[in-house]
């Protein structure tokens, strides 16, 4: 029995080591890649650049967190990107309209927030009614709501810009 135990323990130890190395391989590869870029361009690790990257990717964290909650509840939301697009377009259009009416900065931002929350709530209520109310598979429901939300928001924006927004919206946000 001691011979069998001596044979299996190193195997188990090797499997544990290989599993541990595979788990750490992606983070280590990312560090090596970042250090390689740093060797070519040292400004990449400057505080200003790191803060800039974190600011620009912060909204992705919010969307990924929302998608994680859906997946944890055994669902899958295909309409998240389209819903975000519709919310962005609605917010931008509302802000543009209020700026055109001569609204203050506070009113402009409030109108954008309310429009975005309203569109997001409508998409969520639509998906939720079919998933929870009629017990239809979330994959099917969100695939079905993907097309209308893209159809509504895509023609409004041309090459990523909201028609009529121009520099006005940027000045208000700055």
C-alpha atoms as a PDB file:
ATOM      1  CA  UNK A   1       0.000   0.000   0.000  1.00  0.00           C
ATOM      2  CA  UNK A   2       2.760   2.418   0.668  1.00  0.00           C
ATOM      3  CA  UNK A   3       4.091   1.871  -2.859  1.00  0.00           C
ATOM      4  CA  UNK A   4       0.719   2.798  -4.393  1.00  0.00           C
ATOM      5  CA  UNK A   5       0.443   5.870  -2.182  1.00  0.00           C
ATOM      6  CA  UNK A   6       3.954   6.927  -3.146  1.00  0.00           C
ATOM      7  CA  UNK A   7       3.054   6.597  -6.831  1.00  0.00           C
ATOM      8  CA  UNK A   8      -0.267   8.505  -6.704  1.00  0.00           C
ATOM      9  CA  UNK A   9       0.847  11.411  -4.536  1.00  0.00           C
ATOM     10  CA  UNK A  10       3.405  12.784  -6.987  1.00  0.00           C
ATOM     11  CA  UNK A  11       0.857  12.440  -9.815  1.00  0.00           C
ATOM     12  CA  UNK A  12      -1.690  14.395  -7.800  1.00  0.00           C
ATOM     13  CA  UNK A  13       0.988  16.946  -6.965  1.00  0.00           C
ATOM     14  CA  UNK A  14       1.920  17.345 -10.638  1.00  0.00           C
ATOM     15  CA  UNK A  15      -1.709  17.759 -11.638  1.00  0.00           C
ATOM     16  CA  UNK A  16      -2.141  20.407  -8.960  1.00  0.00           C
ATOM     17  CA  UNK A  17       1.002  22.220 -10.130  1.00  0.00           C
ATOM     18  CA  UNK A  18      -0.085  22.092 -13.786  1.00  0.00           C
ATOM     19  CA  UNK A  19      -3.559  23.336 -12.851  1.00  0.00           C
ATOM     20  CA  UNK A  20      -2.046  26.150 -10.785  1.00  0.00           C
ATOM     21  CA  UNK A  21       0.295  27.163 -13.627  1.00  0.00           C
ATOM     22  CA  UNK A  22      -2.560  27.141 -16.146  1.00  0.00           C
ATOM     23  CA  UNK A  23      -4.623  29.313 -13.824  1.00  0.00           C
ATOM     24  CA  UNK A  24      -1.815  31.869 -13.550  1.00  0.00           C
ATOM     25  CA  UNK A  25      -0.750  31.742 -17.207  1.00  0.00           C
ATOM     26  CA  UNK A  26      -3.177  34.396 -18.498  1.00  0.00           C
ATOM     27  CA  UNK A  27      -2.426  37.005 -15.793  1.00  0.00           C
ATOM     28  CA  UNK A  28       1.305  36.376 -16.218  1.00  0.00           C
ATOM     29  CA  UNK A  29       1.002  36.717 -19.996  1.00  0.00           C
ATOM     30  CA  UNK A  30      -0.844  40.019 -19.533  1.00  0.00           C
ATOM     31  CA  UNK A  31       1.927  41.333 -17.260  1.00  0.00           C
ATOM     32  CA  UNK A  32       4.604  40.285 -19.760  1.00  0.00           C
ATOM     33  CA  UNK A  33       2.695  41.973 -22.591  1.00  0.00           C
ATOM     34  CA  UNK A  34       2.259  45.192 -20.596  1.00  0.00           C
ATOM     35  CA  UNK A  35       5.951  45.255 -19.685  1.00  0.00           C
ATOM     36  CA  UNK A  36       6.838  44.717 -23.360  1.00  0.00           C
ATOM     37  CA  UNK A  37       4.707  47.708 -24.343  1.00  0.00           C
ATOM     38  CA  UNK A  38       6.257  49.693 -21.458  1.00  0.00           C
ATOM     39  CA  UNK A  39       9.728  48.923 -22.833  1.00  0.00           C
ATOM     40  CA  UNK A  40       8.744  50.559 -26.134  1.00  0.00           C
ATOM     41  CA  UNK A  41       6.629  53.415 -24.710  1.00  0.00           C
ATOM     42  CA  UNK A  42       7.215  54.223 -21.000  1.00  0.00           C
ATOM     43  CA  UNK A  43       4.236  56.624 -20.839  1.00  0.00           C
ATOM     44  CA  UNK A  44       1.875  53.652 -21.015  1.00  0.00           C
ATOM     45  CA  UNK A  45       2.264  53.072 -17.270  1.00  0.00           C
ATOM     46  CA  UNK A  46       2.063  56.735 -16.294  1.00  0.00           C
ATOM     47  CA  UNK A  47      -0.571  57.682 -13.742  1.00  0.00           C
ATOM     48  CA  UNK A  48      -2.354  59.883 -16.286  1.00  0.00           C
ATOM     49  CA  UNK A  49      -2.632  57.040 -18.814  1.00  0.00           C
ATOM     50  CA  UNK A  50      -3.727  54.460 -16.231  1.00  0.00           C
ATOM     51  CA  UNK A  51      -6.440  56.814 -14.942  1.00  0.00           C
ATOM     52  CA  UNK A  52      -7.517  57.513 -18.527  1.00  0.00           C
ATOM     53  CA  UNK A  53      -7.816  53.790 -19.334  1.00  0.00           C
ATOM     54  CA  UNK A  54      -9.770  53.159 -16.120  1.00  0.00           C
ATOM     55  CA  UNK A  55     -12.137  56.055 -16.884  1.00  0.00           C
ATOM     56  CA  UNK A  56     -12.739  54.898 -20.444  1.00  0.00           C
ATOM     57  CA  UNK A  57     -13.358  51.286 -19.440  1.00  0.00           C
ATOM     58  CA  UNK A  58     -15.472  51.957 -16.350  1.00  0.00           C
ATOM     59  CA  UNK A  59     -18.764  51.748 -18.247  1.00  0.00           C
ATOM     60  CA  UNK A  60     -17.759  48.314 -19.572  1.00  0.00           C
ATOM     61  CA  UNK A  61     -17.476  47.165 -15.950  1.00  0.00           C
ATOM     62  CA  UNK A  62     -21.054  48.286 -15.322  1.00  0.00           C
ATOM     63  CA  UNK A  63     -22.350  46.409 -18.380  1.00  0.00           C
ATOM     64  CA  UNK A  64     -20.310  43.319 -17.553  1.00  0.00           C
ATOM     65  CA  UNK A  65     -21.699  43.357 -14.014  1.00  0.00           C
ATOM     66  CA  UNK A  66     -25.240  43.507 -15.356  1.00  0.00           C
ATOM     67  CA  UNK A  67     -24.543  40.642 -17.753  1.00  0.00           C
ATOM     68  CA  UNK A  68     -22.950  38.642 -14.913  1.00  0.00           C
ATOM     69  CA  UNK A  69     -26.136  38.958 -12.862  1.00  0.00           C
ATOM     70  CA  UNK A  70     -28.179  37.670 -15.791  1.00  0.00           C
ATOM     71  CA  UNK A  71     -25.835  34.714 -16.295  1.00  0.00           C
ATOM     72  CA  UNK A  72     -25.828  33.896 -12.563  1.00  0.00           C
ATOM     73  CA  UNK A  73     -29.596  33.571 -12.712  1.00  0.00           C
ATOM     74  CA  UNK A  74     -29.255  31.092 -15.595  1.00  0.00           C
ATOM     75  CA  UNK A  75     -30.194  33.564 -18.272  1.00  0.00           C
ATOM     76  CA  UNK A  76     -28.480  35.140 -21.241  1.00  0.00           C
ATOM     77  CA  UNK A  77     -29.098  38.690 -22.441  1.00  0.00           C
ATOM     78  CA  UNK A  78     -28.325  39.275 -26.103  1.00  0.00           C
ATOM     79  CA  UNK A  79     -29.941  42.717 -26.145  1.00  0.00           C
ATOM     80  CA  UNK A  80     -27.581  44.435 -23.679  1.00  0.00           C
ATOM     81  CA  UNK A  81     -25.470  46.134 -26.355  1.00  0.00           C
ATOM     82  CA  UNK A  82     -28.514  47.209 -28.343  1.00  0.00           C
ATOM     83  CA  UNK A  83     -30.207  48.487 -25.184  1.00  0.00           C
ATOM     84  CA  UNK A  84     -27.116  50.513 -24.278  1.00  0.00           C
ATOM     85  CA  UNK A  85     -27.118  51.950 -27.791  1.00  0.00           C
ATOM     86  CA  UNK A  86     -30.808  52.893 -27.545  1.00  0.00           C
ATOM     87  CA  UNK A  87     -30.261  54.466 -24.113  1.00  0.00           C
ATOM     88  CA  UNK A  88     -27.298  56.470 -25.438  1.00  0.00           C
ATOM     89  CA  UNK A  89     -29.242  57.711 -28.453  1.00  0.00           C
ATOM     90  CA  UNK A  90     -32.298  58.635 -26.366  1.00  0.00           C
ATOM     91  CA  UNK A  91     -30.159  60.485 -23.828  1.00  0.00           C
ATOM     92  CA  UNK A  92     -28.271  62.377 -26.523  1.00  0.00           C
ATOM     93  CA  UNK A  93     -31.456  63.332 -28.369  1.00  0.00           C
ATOM     94  CA  UNK A  94     -33.104  64.552 -25.171  1.00  0.00           C
ATOM     95  CA  UNK A  95     -30.048  66.591 -24.232  1.00  0.00           C
ATOM     96  CA  UNK A  96     -29.870  68.095 -27.722  1.00  0.00           C
ATOM     97  CA  UNK A  97     -33.546  69.033 -27.620  1.00  0.00           C
ATOM     98  CA  UNK A  98     -33.247  70.709 -24.218  1.00  0.00           C
ATOM     99  CA  UNK A  99     -30.130  72.622 -25.289  1.00  0.00           C
ATOM    100  CA  UNK A 100     -32.095  73.812 -28.336  1.00  0.00           C
ATOM    101  CA  UNK A 101     -34.816  75.127 -26.030  1.00  0.00           C
ATOM    102  CA  UNK A 102     -32.204  77.042 -24.017  1.00  0.00           C
ATOM    103  CA  UNK A 103     -32.249  74.875 -20.902  1.00  0.00           C
ATOM    104  CA  UNK A 104     -29.650  75.195 -18.159  1.00  0.00           C
ATOM    105  CA  UNK A 105     -26.848  72.648 -17.827  1.00  0.00           C
ATOM    106  CA  UNK A 106     -28.645  70.930 -14.952  1.00  0.00           C
ATOM    107  CA  UNK A 107     -31.881  70.592 -16.920  1.00  0.00           C
ATOM    108  CA  UNK A 108     -29.979  69.300 -19.967  1.00  0.00           C
ATOM    109  CA  UNK A 109     -28.253  66.559 -17.975  1.00  0.00           C
ATOM    110  CA  UNK A 110     -31.446  65.721 -16.061  1.00  0.00           C
ATOM    111  CA  UNK A 111     -33.354  65.344 -19.340  1.00  0.00           C
ATOM    112  CA  UNK A 112     -30.653  63.032 -20.683  1.00  0.00           C
ATOM    113  CA  UNK A 113     -30.702  60.919 -17.527  1.00  0.00           C
ATOM    114  CA  UNK A 114     -34.490  60.658 -17.495  1.00  0.00           C
ATOM    115  CA  UNK A 115     -34.659  59.742 -21.177  1.00  0.00           C
ATOM    116  CA  UNK A 116     -31.950  57.104 -20.759  1.00  0.00           C
ATOM    117  CA  UNK A 117     -33.568  55.633 -17.665  1.00  0.00           C
ATOM    118  CA  UNK A 118     -36.939  55.581 -19.405  1.00  0.00           C
ATOM    119  CA  UNK A 119     -35.685  53.736 -22.483  1.00  0.00           C
ATOM    120  CA  UNK A 120     -33.680  51.312 -20.348  1.00  0.00           C
ATOM    121  CA  UNK A 121     -36.736  50.642 -18.192  1.00  0.00           C
ATOM    122  CA  UNK A 122     -38.906  50.017 -21.259  1.00  0.00           C
ATOM    123  CA  UNK A 123     -36.442  47.500 -22.708  1.00  0.00           C
ATOM    124  CA  UNK A 124     -36.108  45.845 -19.302  1.00  0.00           C
ATOM    125  CA  UNK A 125     -39.869  45.701 -18.755  1.00  0.00           C
ATOM    126  CA  UNK A 126     -40.383  44.199 -22.198  1.00  0.00           C
ATOM    127  CA  UNK A 127     -37.750  41.517 -21.628  1.00  0.00           C
ATOM    128  CA  UNK A 128     -38.859  40.893 -18.057  1.00  0.00           C
ATOM    129  CA  UNK A 129     -42.531  40.529 -18.974  1.00  0.00           C
ATOM    130  CA  UNK A 130     -41.774  37.782 -21.460  1.00  0.00           C
ATOM    131  CA  UNK A 131     -39.088  36.022 -19.396  1.00  0.00           C
ATOM    132  CA  UNK A 132     -40.747  36.155 -15.980  1.00  0.00           C
ATOM    133  CA  UNK A 133     -44.390  36.581 -16.950  1.00  0.00           C
ATOM    134  CA  UNK A 134     -44.678  34.167 -19.852  1.00  0.00           C
ATOM    135  CA  UNK A 135     -41.640  32.038 -18.893  1.00  0.00           C
ATOM    136  CA  UNK A 136     -40.058  32.254 -22.336  1.00  0.00           C
ATOM    137  CA  UNK A 137     -36.342  31.443 -22.572  1.00  0.00           C
ATOM    138  CA  UNK A 138     -34.280  34.639 -21.997  1.00  0.00           C
ATOM    139  CA  UNK A 139     -32.129  33.832 -25.024  1.00  0.00           C
ATOM    140  CA  UNK A 140     -35.171  33.894 -27.305  1.00  0.00           C
ATOM    141  CA  UNK A 141     -36.715  37.005 -25.735  1.00  0.00           C
ATOM    142  CA  UNK A 142     -33.540  39.083 -25.797  1.00  0.00           C
ATOM    143  CA  UNK A 143     -32.789  37.951 -29.339  1.00  0.00           C
ATOM    144  CA  UNK A 144     -36.268  39.164 -30.238  1.00  0.00           C
ATOM    145  CA  UNK A 145     -35.813  42.530 -28.536  1.00  0.00           C
ATOM    146  CA  UNK A 146     -32.368  43.025 -30.053  1.00  0.00           C
ATOM    147  CA  UNK A 147     -33.682  43.807 -33.536  1.00  0.00           C
ATOM    148  CA  UNK A 148     -36.242  46.500 -32.596  1.00  0.00           C
ATOM    149  CA  UNK A 149     -33.806  48.331 -30.317  1.00  0.00           C
ATOM    150  CA  UNK A 150     -31.116  48.354 -33.015  1.00  0.00           C
ATOM    151  CA  UNK A 151     -33.673  49.352 -35.644  1.00  0.00           C
ATOM    152  CA  UNK A 152     -34.787  52.318 -33.553  1.00  0.00           C
ATOM    153  CA  UNK A 153     -31.346  53.585 -32.548  1.00  0.00           C
ATOM    154  CA  UNK A 154     -29.171  52.828 -35.606  1.00  0.00           C
ATOM    155  CA  UNK A 155     -30.772  55.214 -38.143  1.00  0.00           C
ATOM    156  CA  UNK A 156     -30.603  58.048 -35.621  1.00  0.00           C
ATOM    157  CA  UNK A 157     -26.837  57.863 -35.325  1.00  0.00           C
ATOM    158  CA  UNK A 158     -24.606  58.160 -38.365  1.00  0.00           C
ATOM    159  CA  UNK A 159     -21.119  56.665 -37.992  1.00  0.00           C
ATOM    160  CA  UNK A 160     -21.345  56.829 -34.205  1.00  0.00           C
ATOM    161  CA  UNK A 161     -22.519  60.445 -34.008  1.00  0.00           C
ATOM    162  CA  UNK A 162     -25.990  61.556 -33.055  1.00  0.00           C
ATOM    163  CA  UNK A 163     -27.404  63.786 -35.790  1.00  0.00           C
ATOM    164  CA  UNK A 164     -27.565  67.356 -34.527  1.00  0.00           C
ATOM    165  CA  UNK A 165     -25.575  66.810 -31.334  1.00  0.00           C
ATOM    166  CA  UNK A 166     -22.280  68.240 -32.589  1.00  0.00           C
ATOM    167  CA  UNK A 167     -20.091  70.109 -30.111  1.00  0.00           C
ATOM    168  CA  UNK A 168     -23.066  71.305 -28.052  1.00  0.00           C
ATOM    169  CA  UNK A 169     -23.406  68.084 -26.086  1.00  0.00           C
ATOM    170  CA  UNK A 170     -19.677  67.859 -25.520  1.00  0.00           C
ATOM    171  CA  UNK A 171     -19.565  71.411 -24.166  1.00  0.00           C
ATOM    172  CA  UNK A 172     -22.427  70.674 -21.778  1.00  0.00           C
ATOM    173  CA  UNK A 173     -20.778  67.533 -20.420  1.00  0.00           C
ATOM    174  CA  UNK A 174     -17.341  69.180 -20.036  1.00  0.00           C
END
